[in-house]
Amino acid sequence: MTKTKIVVAGPRGKMGSEALRMIEKEERFDLVACVDRKYDGMKVKDIPSLPAIDAPIYEDMEQCFQNVSPDVLIDLTTPEVGYKHTKLALQYNVRPVVGTTGFTNDQLAELESIADEKGIGVIIAPNFAIGAVLMMQFSKWAAKYFPDVEIIERHHDQKLDAPSGTAVKTAQLIQEVRTSKTQGHPNETETISGARGADIDGMKIHSMRLPGLVAHQEVMFGSNGETLTIKHDSINRESFMTGVKLSVEKVQQLNVLVYGLENIME
């Protein structure tokens, strides 16, 4: 059986370490290296709290690609680092699976152009939880009938970007079916700046950051005499691994950039 050779960037993060455990359990996957800002030359098994996998750690992504020739990069770092890693992976014909949110539209357009030119698959997913993807799709469907909507997303207090990529992606999906409108009273005034949240096409997005949370989102619709709330909760980071595994399998069949897990789900 030919195994998929995988490099993980960000192995010591909460998502990264969970990805290592997923790879360890999956007989069709082989972790060939990790890229981390520390521990160059050590093995994954040498790092406390990480699985006992005999794979080397590199600080330099380019050196890693040159030495191990992986099939897939799983990047679970930060927007700035993830963007650089994804461009480099494409240069080396490595297929990226990226769970880092916060890319700009210009960055996504550039990565899409490179992927098209080289004919290499890329998957960038604001959320790898299957339930979260369904929540976004259900919200898009509901928005056809409930154009007044607000999004409330709650995450752990170490998350760097706000609003979350999932919230932004949800709003973008709703935009596809919703007539643009400004919600609330036309003379509404914020007595404290930001009280009404971020604004995308008249929709409001509210971000909460608290210890004890993982990833949670509510999409609340309102109409005459009724409300509809579509909610998803990730209780732990294992919830994201089904989508990561699916993406690793699917990205090898693609020759374009795909943004959003819903685009590879049947």
Protein backbone atom coordinates (compact mmCIF):
# COMPACT_ATOMS: atom_id res chain seq x y z
CA MET A 1 0.00 0.00 0.00
CA THR A 2 1.37 3.39 -1.02
CA LYS A 3 1.14 5.85 1.82
CA THR A 4 0.60 9.59 1.56
CA LYS A 5 3.72 11.38 2.78
CA ILE A 6 2.74 14.32 4.97
CA VAL A 7 4.54 17.28 6.51
CA VAL A 8 2.82 19.14 9.36
CA ALA A 9 3.61 22.79 10.06
CA GLY A 10 2.81 23.90 13.59
CA PRO A 11 3.06 20.51 15.35
CA ARG A 12 3.18 21.90 18.89
CA GLY A 13 -0.04 23.87 18.53
CA LYS A 14 -3.32 22.43 19.77
CA MET A 15 -4.53 21.74 16.25
CA GLY A 16 -1.13 20.59 15.04
CA SER A 17 -0.64 18.05 17.80
CA GLU A 18 -4.15 16.71 17.17
CA ALA A 19 -3.25 16.32 13.49
CA LEU A 20 -0.18 14.28 14.46
CA ARG A 21 -2.35 11.91 16.48
CA MET A 22 -4.76 11.57 13.55
CA ILE A 23 -1.90 10.73 11.16
CA GLU A 24 -0.47 8.21 13.62
CA LYS A 25 -3.79 6.34 13.67
CA GLU A 26 -4.36 6.41 9.89
CA GLU A 27 -2.55 3.52 8.19
CA ARG A 28 -2.64 5.23 4.76
CA PHE A 29 -0.78 8.32 6.04
CA ASP A 30 2.90 8.68 6.86
CA LEU A 31 4.27 11.65 8.79
CA VAL A 32 7.66 12.27 7.16
CA ALA A 33 8.55 15.56 8.89
CA CYS A 34 7.32 18.57 10.84
CA VAL A 35 8.19 22.24 10.50
CA ASP A 36 8.46 24.24 13.71
CA ARG A 37 10.16 27.47 14.78
CA LYS A 38 12.13 25.48 17.38
CA TYR A 39 13.80 22.06 17.81
CA ASP A 40 15.57 21.91 14.45
CA GLY A 41 17.22 18.50 13.99
CA MET A 42 15.24 16.78 16.73
CA LYS A 43 12.55 14.12 16.28
CA VAL A 44 8.85 14.46 17.01
CA LYS A 45 9.15 11.71 19.61
CA ASP A 46 11.70 13.84 21.51
CA ILE A 47 9.18 16.60 22.23
CA PRO A 48 7.09 16.17 25.40
CA SER A 49 3.33 15.81 24.80
CA LEU A 50 3.75 14.89 21.12
CA PRO A 51 3.19 11.35 19.76
CA ALA A 52 6.16 8.97 19.66
CA ILE A 53 6.73 9.34 15.90
CA ASP A 54 10.23 9.01 14.46
CA ALA A 55 9.96 11.99 12.09
CA PRO A 56 12.47 14.86 11.91
CA ILE A 57 11.74 18.47 12.77
CA TYR A 58 12.92 21.33 10.56
CA GLU A 59 12.92 25.04 11.19
CA ASP A 60 13.31 25.78 7.48
CA MET A 61 10.39 24.75 5.27
CA GLU A 62 12.39 24.80 2.05
CA GLN A 63 15.05 22.51 3.48
CA CYS A 64 12.30 20.19 4.67
CA PHE A 65 10.76 19.95 1.19
CA GLN A 66 14.16 19.33 -0.37
CA ASN A 67 15.00 16.52 2.04
CA VAL A 68 11.75 14.57 2.38
CA SER A 69 9.74 15.29 -0.84
CA PRO A 70 6.25 15.09 0.73
CA ASP A 71 2.94 14.70 -1.08
CA VAL A 72 0.92 16.96 1.20
CA LEU A 73 1.56 19.83 3.60
CA ILE A 74 -0.85 20.29 6.49
CA ASP A 75 -0.41 23.87 7.69
CA LEU A 76 -1.99 24.85 11.00
CA THR A 77 0.04 27.93 11.87
CA THR A 78 -0.80 31.64 11.51
CA PRO A 79 -2.06 33.64 8.51
CA GLU A 80 1.32 35.24 7.77
CA VAL A 81 3.31 32.02 8.09
CA GLY A 82 0.64 29.87 6.45
CA TYR A 83 0.58 32.11 3.39
CA LYS A 84 4.35 31.83 2.96
CA HIS A 85 4.27 28.06 3.52
CA THR A 86 1.50 27.60 0.96
CA LYS A 87 3.37 29.55 -1.74
CA LEU A 88 6.54 27.57 -1.06
CA ALA A 89 4.67 24.25 -1.12
CA LEU A 90 3.28 25.07 -4.56
CA GLN A 91 6.78 25.87 -5.81
CA TYR A 92 7.86 22.38 -4.73
CA ASN A 93 4.73 20.67 -6.15
CA VAL A 94 3.50 19.82 -2.65
CA ARG A 95 -0.26 19.97 -2.17
CA PRO A 96 -1.25 22.21 0.77
CA VAL A 97 -4.12 21.58 3.17
CA VAL A 98 -4.43 24.79 5.15
CA GLY A 99 -6.48 25.36 8.28
CA THR A 100 -5.13 28.82 8.92
CA THR A 101 -7.74 31.58 8.64
CA GLY A 102 -7.17 35.27 8.08
CA PHE A 103 -5.86 35.29 4.48
CA THR A 104 -6.73 38.45 2.56
CA ASN A 105 -8.65 38.32 -0.71
CA ASP A 106 -5.49 39.37 -2.54
CA GLN A 107 -3.50 36.53 -0.96
CA LEU A 108 -6.19 33.99 -1.86
CA ALA A 109 -6.30 35.30 -5.44
CA GLU A 110 -2.52 35.01 -5.73
CA LEU A 111 -2.48 31.45 -4.38
CA GLU A 112 -5.35 30.50 -6.68
CA SER A 113 -3.42 31.87 -9.66
CA ILE A 114 -0.29 29.89 -8.77
CA ALA A 115 -2.29 26.69 -8.23
CA ASP A 116 -4.01 27.14 -11.62
CA GLU A 117 -0.71 27.79 -13.36
CA LYS A 118 0.97 24.72 -11.87
CA GLY A 119 -2.13 22.50 -11.90
CA ILE A 120 -1.73 21.62 -8.23
CA GLY A 121 -4.56 21.13 -5.75
CA VAL A 122 -4.88 23.33 -2.67
CA ILE A 123 -7.53 23.18 0.04
CA ILE A 124 -7.96 26.12 2.40
CA ALA A 125 -10.69 25.53 4.95
CA PRO A 126 -11.89 28.14 7.45
CA ASN A 127 -13.24 25.22 9.48
CA PHE A 128 -12.50 21.50 9.25
CA ALA A 129 -15.43 20.39 11.43
CA ILE A 130 -18.07 18.66 9.30
CA GLY A 131 -20.83 20.03 11.53
CA ALA A 132 -19.56 23.58 11.06
CA VAL A 133 -19.61 23.15 7.28
CA LEU A 134 -23.20 21.93 7.46
CA MET A 135 -24.07 24.88 9.71
CA MET A 136 -22.75 27.25 7.03
CA GLN A 137 -24.68 25.48 4.27
CA PHE A 138 -27.91 25.43 6.29
CA SER A 139 -27.43 29.16 6.95
CA LYS A 140 -27.08 29.87 3.24
CA TRP A 141 -30.30 28.00 2.60
CA ALA A 142 -32.15 29.80 5.39
CA ALA A 143 -30.99 33.23 4.21
CA LYS A 144 -33.14 32.90 1.10
CA TYR A 145 -36.16 33.25 3.39
CA PHE A 146 -34.68 35.19 6.33
CA PRO A 147 -32.55 38.09 4.99
CA ASP A 148 -32.11 39.69 8.43
CA VAL A 149 -29.24 37.84 10.09
CA GLU A 150 -26.50 38.31 12.66
CA ILE A 151 -23.56 36.01 13.39
CA ILE A 152 -22.14 35.42 16.86
CA GLU A 153 -18.86 33.51 17.00
CA ARG A 154 -17.10 32.48 20.21
CA HIS A 155 -13.55 31.16 20.42
CA HIS A 156 -10.73 30.56 22.88
CA ASP A 157 -8.78 33.62 23.97
CA GLN A 158 -5.59 32.62 22.11
CA LYS A 159 -7.18 32.98 18.67
CA LEU A 160 -5.42 35.72 16.71
CA ASP A 161 -7.98 36.79 14.10
CA ALA A 162 -11.40 38.32 14.59
CA PRO A 163 -13.89 37.73 13.20
CA SER A 164 -13.15 34.07 12.63
CA GLY A 165 -12.67 32.67 9.16
CA THR A 166 -15.79 30.58 9.68
CA ALA A 167 -17.89 33.66 10.44
CA VAL A 168 -16.54 35.48 7.37
CA LYS A 169 -17.11 32.44 5.18
CA THR A 170 -20.67 32.12 6.52
CA ALA A 171 -21.39 35.75 5.65
CA GLN A 172 -19.92 35.28 2.17
CA LEU A 173 -22.12 32.25 1.53
CA ILE A 174 -25.19 34.15 2.72
CA GLN A 175 -24.26 37.06 0.43
CA GLU A 176 -24.64 34.73 -2.54
CA VAL A 177 -28.39 34.36 -1.93
CA ARG A 178 -29.34 37.42 0.12
CA THR A 179 -30.35 40.79 -1.31
CA SER A 180 -27.96 43.39 0.06
CA LYS A 181 -29.55 45.44 2.85
CA THR A 182 -28.69 47.45 5.94
CA GLN A 183 -30.23 45.97 9.05
CA GLY A 184 -31.60 47.73 12.10
CA HIS A 185 -33.09 51.20 12.47
CA PRO A 186 -31.88 53.68 9.82
CA ASN A 187 -31.01 56.17 12.58
CA GLU A 188 -29.23 53.62 14.76
CA THR A 189 -26.20 55.06 16.61
CA GLU A 190 -23.42 53.29 18.45
CA THR A 191 -22.92 55.10 21.74
CA ILE A 192 -19.77 52.98 22.16
CA SER A 193 -17.86 52.30 18.95
CA GLY A 194 -18.05 48.67 17.85
CA ALA A 195 -21.12 47.82 19.90
CA ARG A 196 -22.97 46.53 16.86
CA GLY A 197 -20.06 44.39 15.67
CA ALA A 198 -18.31 44.07 12.34
CA ASP A 199 -20.31 44.69 9.18
CA ILE A 200 -20.35 42.60 6.01
CA ASP A 201 -22.95 43.72 3.48
CA GLY A 202 -25.23 44.92 6.27
CA MET A 203 -24.88 41.73 8.33
CA LYS A 204 -23.36 42.07 11.79
CA ILE A 205 -20.68 39.73 13.14
CA HIS A 206 -19.91 39.61 16.85
CA SER A 207 -16.71 37.99 18.16
CA MET A 208 -16.19 36.69 21.70
CA ARG A 209 -12.85 35.47 23.09
CA LEU A 210 -12.80 33.63 26.42
CA PRO A 211 -10.75 30.89 28.08
CA GLY A 212 -12.60 27.58 28.18
CA LEU A 213 -14.06 27.95 24.70
CA VAL A 214 -12.90 26.04 21.61
CA ALA A 215 -14.94 27.05 18.53
CA HIS A 216 -18.62 27.97 18.56
CA GLN A 217 -20.93 29.86 16.22
CA GLU A 218 -24.57 30.88 16.08
CA VAL A 219 -26.27 32.29 13.01
CA MET A 220 -29.48 34.00 14.11
CA PHE A 221 -32.19 34.97 11.65
CA GLY A 222 -35.17 37.19 12.42
CA SER A 223 -38.51 37.75 10.70
CA ASN A 224 -42.00 38.86 11.63
CA GLY A 225 -42.97 36.99 14.79
CA GLU A 226 -40.18 34.40 14.65
CA THR A 227 -36.46 33.76 14.89
CA LEU A 228 -34.31 30.89 13.65
CA THR A 229 -30.95 30.00 15.18
CA ILE A 230 -28.48 27.61 13.55
CA LYS A 231 -25.71 26.67 15.97
CA HIS A 232 -22.56 24.59 15.98
CA ASP A 233 -20.14 23.78 18.81
CA SER A 234 -16.73 22.14 18.64
CA ILE A 235 -16.19 20.74 22.13
CA ASN A 236 -12.61 19.66 21.41
CA ARG A 237 -10.16 19.79 18.52
CA GLU A 238 -10.66 16.18 17.58
CA SER A 239 -13.82 17.44 15.90
CA PHE A 240 -11.67 19.01 13.16
CA MET A 241 -9.72 15.90 12.24
CA THR A 242 -12.42 14.26 10.09
CA GLY A 243 -12.24 17.25 7.78
CA VAL A 244 -8.43 17.32 7.80
CA LYS A 245 -8.31 13.65 6.85
CA LEU A 246 -10.88 14.15 4.08
CA SER A 247 -8.91 17.13 2.74
CA VAL A 248 -5.64 15.20 2.61
CA GLU A 249 -7.38 12.53 0.55
CA LYS A 250 -9.22 14.95 -1.76
CA VAL A 251 -6.42 17.46 -2.39
CA GLN A 252 -4.46 14.79 -4.25
CA GLN A 253 -7.29 14.57 -6.79
CA LEU A 254 -7.48 18.33 -7.42
CA ASN A 255 -5.59 20.66 -9.76
CA VAL A 256 -7.07 23.95 -8.49
CA LEU A 257 -7.43 25.85 -5.23
CA VAL A 258 -10.60 25.07 -3.28
CA TYR A 259 -11.69 27.41 -0.49
CA GLY A 260 -14.11 25.80 1.94
CA LEU A 261 -14.65 22.20 2.93
CA GLU A 262 -18.20 22.25 1.52
CA ASN A 263 -16.71 22.21 -1.98
CA ILE A 264 -15.22 18.73 -1.51
CA MET A 265 -18.10 17.18 0.43
CA GLU A 266 -20.49 15.06 -1.58
